[in-house]
Amino acid sequence: MNKLTLSYFVAGATVASGAGVGGYIYVTREVKPKALKKQLISEFLTSLGKTVLSTEAEGTNKDEAEWKKRQSAYGSATQKELISDLDNANPSTTIAKSSNVDMGKMRKWCRKNLSTEFSSVDDVLYKKVLKWCTKEAK
């Protein structure tokens, strides 16, 4: 073997071993999952294509007709669907079932809970927000 052939052989062996070591390190590295971005219920609903009702005061509210539908539907809501009365000191107190429910209380409840962190589509709070605070209510 002459010197030129020997130098090519050594260079090739060096590159191959370096690639092998680099490949091994790449394959065996510890991959840490990216932290999931926390999302508000309103953001999650919007990402699903749902339309969140405006919680502005009566008279200036562009979704007034939708709120009237929610008001009427509240009269036939099940016990699980009733929402808490934020004006009451006891957090487990719900707004009384009535087709003339105070829409101001409903809007206030929606405003508060739309800005709550989303946890799961099976979450009771999420289901209530979906029912009472979106145009595509179920």
Foldseek 3Di string as FASTA:
>chain_A
DDPVVVVVVVVVVVVVVVVVVVVVCVVPPDDDDDDDDWDFLLRVCVVVVWAFFDLDDPPPGPCVVLLLVLLQVQLVDDPLLFAAQPVDPDRVHTQDRDSRTDSNRLSVRLVVRSRHTDDDPPDSSSLNNQQRTTSPHD
